[in-house]
């Protein structure tokens, strides 16, 4: 299935990426240089990419990944993380287990 998405994490060293897919379901995972149409192209967080999606179990793998448009949503990861913040957990007393030689 052909799809578009936004790169929300990228490792140039490992040619790995996580993509927020246009259908807002499972995140896309690109793993290694063979996932990319051209592994030498510059990719950054916030770029729109096109790819062929393949499901493997519960993982959505990206194949033939290529940049469609650069720097469309560079703040998307920070925005998502800000919205995902959960309220702080109230202080819960910790139980300390002690042992003695008695």
C-alpha atoms as a PDB file:
ATOM      1  CA  UNK A   1       0.000   0.000   0.000  1.00  0.00           C
ATOM      2  CA  UNK A   2       1.414   3.410  -0.980  1.00  0.00           C
ATOM      3  CA  UNK A   3       1.461   5.986   1.807  1.00  0.00           C
ATOM      4  CA  UNK A   4       2.906   9.311   2.965  1.00  0.00           C
ATOM      5  CA  UNK A   5       4.103  10.334   6.395  1.00  0.00           C
ATOM      6  CA  UNK A   6       6.334  12.671   8.396  1.00  0.00           C
ATOM      7  CA  UNK A   7       9.716  11.588   9.745  1.00  0.00           C
ATOM      8  CA  UNK A   8       9.597  11.998  13.544  1.00  0.00           C
ATOM      9  CA  UNK A   9      12.948  10.319  14.302  1.00  0.00           C
ATOM     10  CA  UNK A  10      15.931   9.524  12.128  1.00  0.00           C
ATOM     11  CA  UNK A  11      19.362   7.940  12.603  1.00  0.00           C
ATOM     12  CA  UNK A  12      21.660   8.714   9.683  1.00  0.00           C
ATOM     13  CA  UNK A  13      24.267   6.306  11.032  1.00  0.00           C
ATOM     14  CA  UNK A  14      21.910   3.289  10.950  1.00  0.00           C
ATOM     15  CA  UNK A  15      19.543   4.459   8.162  1.00  0.00           C
ATOM     16  CA  UNK A  16      16.643   3.977  10.566  1.00  0.00           C
ATOM     17  CA  UNK A  17      13.560   6.149  10.805  1.00  0.00           C
ATOM     18  CA  UNK A  18      10.210   6.330  12.537  1.00  0.00           C
ATOM     19  CA  UNK A  19       7.408   7.809  10.454  1.00  0.00           C
ATOM     20  CA  UNK A  20       4.058   9.256  11.565  1.00  0.00           C
ATOM     21  CA  UNK A  21       1.824   7.836   8.833  1.00  0.00           C
ATOM     22  CA  UNK A  22      -0.959   9.774   7.106  1.00  0.00           C
ATOM     23  CA  UNK A  23      -3.655   7.447   8.468  1.00  0.00           C
ATOM     24  CA  UNK A  24      -2.496   8.090  12.079  1.00  0.00           C
ATOM     25  CA  UNK A  25      -2.487   4.383  12.861  1.00  0.00           C
ATOM     26  CA  UNK A  26       0.697   2.365  13.467  1.00  0.00           C
ATOM     27  CA  UNK A  27       3.966   4.246  13.130  1.00  0.00           C
ATOM     28  CA  UNK A  28       6.094   3.301  10.145  1.00  0.00           C
ATOM     29  CA  UNK A  29       9.525   1.814  10.740  1.00  0.00           C
ATOM     30  CA  UNK A  30      12.372   2.046   8.240  1.00  0.00           C
ATOM     31  CA  UNK A  31      15.268  -0.180   9.139  1.00  0.00           C
ATOM     32  CA  UNK A  32      18.576  -0.166   7.298  1.00  0.00           C
ATOM     33  CA  UNK A  33      19.702   1.162   3.910  1.00  0.00           C
ATOM     34  CA  UNK A  34      17.592  -1.323   1.936  1.00  0.00           C
ATOM     35  CA  UNK A  35      14.393   0.401   3.158  1.00  0.00           C
ATOM     36  CA  UNK A  36      15.361   3.558   1.237  1.00  0.00           C
ATOM     37  CA  UNK A  37      15.020   4.290  -2.470  1.00  0.00           C
ATOM     38  CA  UNK A  38      18.302   6.206  -2.204  1.00  0.00           C
ATOM     39  CA  UNK A  39      19.994   5.740   1.194  1.00  0.00           C
ATOM     40  CA  UNK A  40      22.420   8.586   0.476  1.00  0.00           C
ATOM     41  CA  UNK A  41      19.732  11.299   0.238  1.00  0.00           C
ATOM     42  CA  UNK A  42      19.635  13.753   3.156  1.00  0.00           C
ATOM     43  CA  UNK A  43      16.658  13.153   5.449  1.00  0.00           C
ATOM     44  CA  UNK A  44      15.658  15.201   8.485  1.00  0.00           C
ATOM     45  CA  UNK A  45      12.964  15.127  11.136  1.00  0.00           C
ATOM     46  CA  UNK A  46       9.964  16.974   9.703  1.00  0.00           C
ATOM     47  CA  UNK A  47      10.381  15.792   6.100  1.00  0.00           C
ATOM     48  CA  UNK A  48       7.375  14.313   4.301  1.00  0.00           C
ATOM     49  CA  UNK A  49       8.237  10.926   2.828  1.00  0.00           C
ATOM     50  CA  UNK A  50       6.464   8.524   0.533  1.00  0.00           C
ATOM     51  CA  UNK A  51       6.797   4.776   0.940  1.00  0.00           C
ATOM     52  CA  UNK A  52       5.246   1.383   0.423  1.00  0.00           C
ATOM     53  CA  UNK A  53       3.869   0.030   3.713  1.00  0.00           C
ATOM     54  CA  UNK A  54       4.078  -3.651   4.622  1.00  0.00           C
ATOM     55  CA  UNK A  55       2.637  -5.146   7.794  1.00  0.00           C
ATOM     56  CA  UNK A  56       4.786  -7.732   9.622  1.00  0.00           C
ATOM     57  CA  UNK A  57       2.863  -8.842  12.653  1.00  0.00           C
ATOM     58  CA  UNK A  58       1.992  -5.601  14.447  1.00  0.00           C
ATOM     59  CA  UNK A  59       4.844  -3.620  12.813  1.00  0.00           C
ATOM     60  CA  UNK A  60       4.350  -1.363   9.808  1.00  0.00           C
ATOM     61  CA  UNK A  61       7.532  -1.526   7.747  1.00  0.00           C
ATOM     62  CA  UNK A  62       8.452   1.198   5.257  1.00  0.00           C
ATOM     63  CA  UNK A  63       9.899   0.144   1.907  1.00  0.00           C
ATOM     64  CA  UNK A  64      11.110   2.274  -1.003  1.00  0.00           C
ATOM     65  CA  UNK A  65      11.165   5.308   1.295  1.00  0.00           C
ATOM     66  CA  UNK A  66      11.832   8.628  -0.450  1.00  0.00           C
ATOM     67  CA  UNK A  67      11.604  12.323   0.435  1.00  0.00           C
ATOM     68  CA  UNK A  68       8.584  14.108  -1.067  1.00  0.00           C
ATOM     69  CA  UNK A  69       8.997  17.528   0.603  1.00  0.00           C
ATOM     70  CA  UNK A  70      11.539  18.812   3.111  1.00  0.00           C
ATOM     71  CA  UNK A  71      10.976  20.464   6.478  1.00  0.00           C
ATOM     72  CA  UNK A  72       7.186  20.619   6.402  1.00  0.00           C
ATOM     73  CA  UNK A  73       6.705  19.747  10.089  1.00  0.00           C
ATOM     74  CA  UNK A  74      10.035  19.943  11.973  1.00  0.00           C
ATOM     75  CA  UNK A  75       8.268  20.622  15.293  1.00  0.00           C
ATOM     76  CA  UNK A  76       5.899  17.626  15.047  1.00  0.00           C
ATOM     77  CA  UNK A  77       7.835  15.369  17.461  1.00  0.00           C
ATOM     78  CA  UNK A  78       7.980  18.090  20.137  1.00  0.00           C
ATOM     79  CA  UNK A  79       4.286  18.858  19.664  1.00  0.00           C
ATOM     80  CA  UNK A  80       3.324  15.198  20.001  1.00  0.00           C
ATOM     81  CA  UNK A  81       5.463  14.769  23.109  1.00  0.00           C
ATOM     82  CA  UNK A  82       4.021  17.909  24.700  1.00  0.00           C
ATOM     83  CA  UNK A  83       0.471  16.622  24.177  1.00  0.00           C
ATOM     84  CA  UNK A  84       1.385  13.150  25.443  1.00  0.00           C
ATOM     85  CA  UNK A  85       2.700  14.350  28.796  1.00  0.00           C
ATOM     86  CA  UNK A  86       0.864  12.731  31.648  1.00  0.00           C
ATOM     87  CA  UNK A  87       0.264  14.515  34.943  1.00  0.00           C
ATOM     88  CA  UNK A  88       2.893  13.803  37.594  1.00  0.00           C
ATOM     89  CA  UNK A  89       2.259  10.768  39.743  1.00  0.00           C
ATOM     90  CA  UNK A  90       1.497  11.695  43.328  1.00  0.00           C
ATOM     91  CA  UNK A  91       4.180  10.821  45.812  1.00  0.00           C
ATOM     92  CA  UNK A  92       3.676   7.275  46.965  1.00  0.00           C
ATOM     93  CA  UNK A  93       5.646   6.161  50.008  1.00  0.00           C
ATOM     94  CA  UNK A  94       8.122   3.503  49.120  1.00  0.00           C
ATOM     95  CA  UNK A  95       8.241   0.302  51.072  1.00  0.00           C
ATOM     96  CA  UNK A  96      11.671  -0.554  52.320  1.00  0.00           C
ATOM     97  CA  UNK A  97      12.337  -4.150  53.114  1.00  0.00           C
ATOM     98  CA  UNK A  98      15.011  -4.664  55.705  1.00  0.00           C
ATOM     99  CA  UNK A  99      16.712  -7.821  56.627  1.00  0.00           C
ATOM    100  CA  UNK A 100      18.702  -8.567  59.709  1.00  0.00           C
ATOM    101  CA  UNK A 101      20.899 -11.363  60.902  1.00  0.00           C
ATOM    102  CA  UNK A 102      18.547 -12.110  63.862  1.00  0.00           C
END
